[in-house]
Amino acid sequence: MSIRDYLLRTRMREATECLRAGASVGESAERCGYEDMFLFSKLFKKVYGVSPSAWKANKMPSDGK
């Protein structure tokens, strides 16, 4: 694994933690050092196979409604 891939995966792992904690996609991108939300979403999808919003929708606990 190249250093570039390592850094990408580390940043995306941090993004998943932000999303899991309830941060918006934009907040997660910003916290992980991305100013361009489109680039963040593109890279997130490259790593996880789904968009950040789809990942968040599937990982967040439902409220039972």
C-alpha atoms as a PDB file:
ATOM      1  CA  MET A   1       0.000   0.000   0.000  1.00  0.00           C
ATOM      2  CA  SER A   2       1.380   3.375  -0.976  1.00  0.00           C
ATOM      3  CA  ILE A   3       1.538   6.282   1.451  1.00  0.00           C
ATOM      4  CA  ARG A   4      -1.142   7.990  -0.642  1.00  0.00           C
ATOM      5  CA  ASP A   5      -3.509   5.034  -0.238  1.00  0.00           C
ATOM      6  CA  TYR A   6      -2.738   4.844   3.472  1.00  0.00           C
ATOM      7  CA  LEU A   7      -3.548   8.520   3.973  1.00  0.00           C
ATOM      8  CA  LEU A   8      -6.747   8.232   1.933  1.00  0.00           C
ATOM      9  CA  ARG A   9      -7.963   5.249   3.957  1.00  0.00           C
ATOM     10  CA  THR A  10      -7.030   6.945   7.225  1.00  0.00           C
ATOM     11  CA  ARG A  11      -8.965  10.081   6.273  1.00  0.00           C
ATOM     12  CA  MET A  12     -11.966   8.045   5.114  1.00  0.00           C
ATOM     13  CA  ARG A  13     -11.969   6.039   8.357  1.00  0.00           C
ATOM     14  CA  GLU A  14     -12.068   9.350  10.247  1.00  0.00           C
ATOM     15  CA  ALA A  15     -14.921  10.449   7.976  1.00  0.00           C
ATOM     16  CA  THR A  16     -16.950   7.357   8.888  1.00  0.00           C
ATOM     17  CA  GLU A  17     -16.443   8.146  12.573  1.00  0.00           C
ATOM     18  CA  CYS A  18     -17.679  11.704  12.001  1.00  0.00           C
ATOM     19  CA  LEU A  19     -20.713  10.457  10.075  1.00  0.00           C
ATOM     20  CA  ARG A  20     -21.464   7.861  12.735  1.00  0.00           C
ATOM     21  CA  ALA A  21     -21.312  10.608  15.378  1.00  0.00           C
ATOM     22  CA  GLY A  22     -24.024  12.515  13.501  1.00  0.00           C
ATOM     23  CA  ALA A  23     -21.972  15.030  11.516  1.00  0.00           C
ATOM     24  CA  SER A  24     -23.260  16.044   8.097  1.00  0.00           C
ATOM     25  CA  VAL A  25     -21.384  15.013   4.967  1.00  0.00           C
ATOM     26  CA  GLY A  26     -20.064  18.559   4.612  1.00  0.00           C
ATOM     27  CA  GLU A  27     -18.882  18.680   8.218  1.00  0.00           C
ATOM     28  CA  SER A  28     -17.227  15.297   7.852  1.00  0.00           C
ATOM     29  CA  ALA A  29     -15.438  16.405   4.693  1.00  0.00           C
ATOM     30  CA  GLU A  30     -14.207  19.573   6.370  1.00  0.00           C
ATOM     31  CA  ARG A  31     -13.032  17.759   9.507  1.00  0.00           C
ATOM     32  CA  CYS A  32     -11.033  15.364   7.332  1.00  0.00           C
ATOM     33  CA  GLY A  33      -9.338  18.179   5.444  1.00  0.00           C
ATOM     34  CA  TYR A  34     -11.419  18.311   2.261  1.00  0.00           C
ATOM     35  CA  GLU A  35     -12.581  21.706   1.067  1.00  0.00           C
ATOM     36  CA  ASP A  36     -14.233  20.233  -2.024  1.00  0.00           C
ATOM     37  CA  MET A  37     -17.231  18.123  -1.012  1.00  0.00           C
ATOM     38  CA  PHE A  38     -17.503  16.662  -4.531  1.00  0.00           C
ATOM     39  CA  LEU A  39     -13.940  15.318  -4.310  1.00  0.00           C
ATOM     40  CA  PHE A  40     -14.602  14.002  -0.808  1.00  0.00           C
ATOM     41  CA  SER A  41     -17.725  12.170  -1.985  1.00  0.00           C
ATOM     42  CA  LYS A  42     -15.920  10.760  -5.011  1.00  0.00           C
ATOM     43  CA  LEU A  43     -13.044   9.422  -2.904  1.00  0.00           C
ATOM     44  CA  PHE A  44     -15.394   8.094  -0.216  1.00  0.00           C
ATOM     45  CA  LYS A  45     -17.296   6.168  -2.869  1.00  0.00           C
ATOM     46  CA  LYS A  46     -14.018   4.851  -4.290  1.00  0.00           C
ATOM     47  CA  VAL A  47     -13.082   3.431  -0.867  1.00  0.00           C
ATOM     48  CA  TYR A  48     -16.491   2.215   0.385  1.00  0.00           C
ATOM     49  CA  GLY A  49     -18.480   1.701  -2.811  1.00  0.00           C
ATOM     50  CA  VAL A  50     -21.297   4.032  -1.731  1.00  0.00           C
ATOM     51  CA  SER A  51     -21.709   7.764  -1.264  1.00  0.00           C
ATOM     52  CA  PRO A  52     -21.174   9.238   2.205  1.00  0.00           C
ATOM     53  CA  SER A  53     -24.886  10.027   2.537  1.00  0.00           C
ATOM     54  CA  ALA A  54     -25.870   6.470   1.571  1.00  0.00           C
ATOM     55  CA  TRP A  55     -23.281   5.077   3.989  1.00  0.00           C
ATOM     56  CA  LYS A  56     -24.634   7.292   6.760  1.00  0.00           C
ATOM     57  CA  ALA A  57     -28.248   6.285   6.041  1.00  0.00           C
ATOM     58  CA  ASN A  58     -27.352   2.613   6.285  1.00  0.00           C
ATOM     59  CA  LYS A  59     -25.093   2.889   9.342  1.00  0.00           C
ATOM     60  CA  MET A  60     -27.181   5.168  11.524  1.00  0.00           C
ATOM     61  CA  PRO A  61     -29.489   3.419  13.978  1.00  0.00           C
ATOM     62  CA  SER A  62     -33.148   3.852  13.133  1.00  0.00           C
ATOM     63  CA  ASP A  63     -35.484   5.423  15.633  1.00  0.00           C
ATOM     64  CA  GLY A  64     -38.002   2.604  15.283  1.00  0.00           C
ATOM     65  CA  LYS A  65     -40.489   4.630  13.248  1.00  0.00           C
END
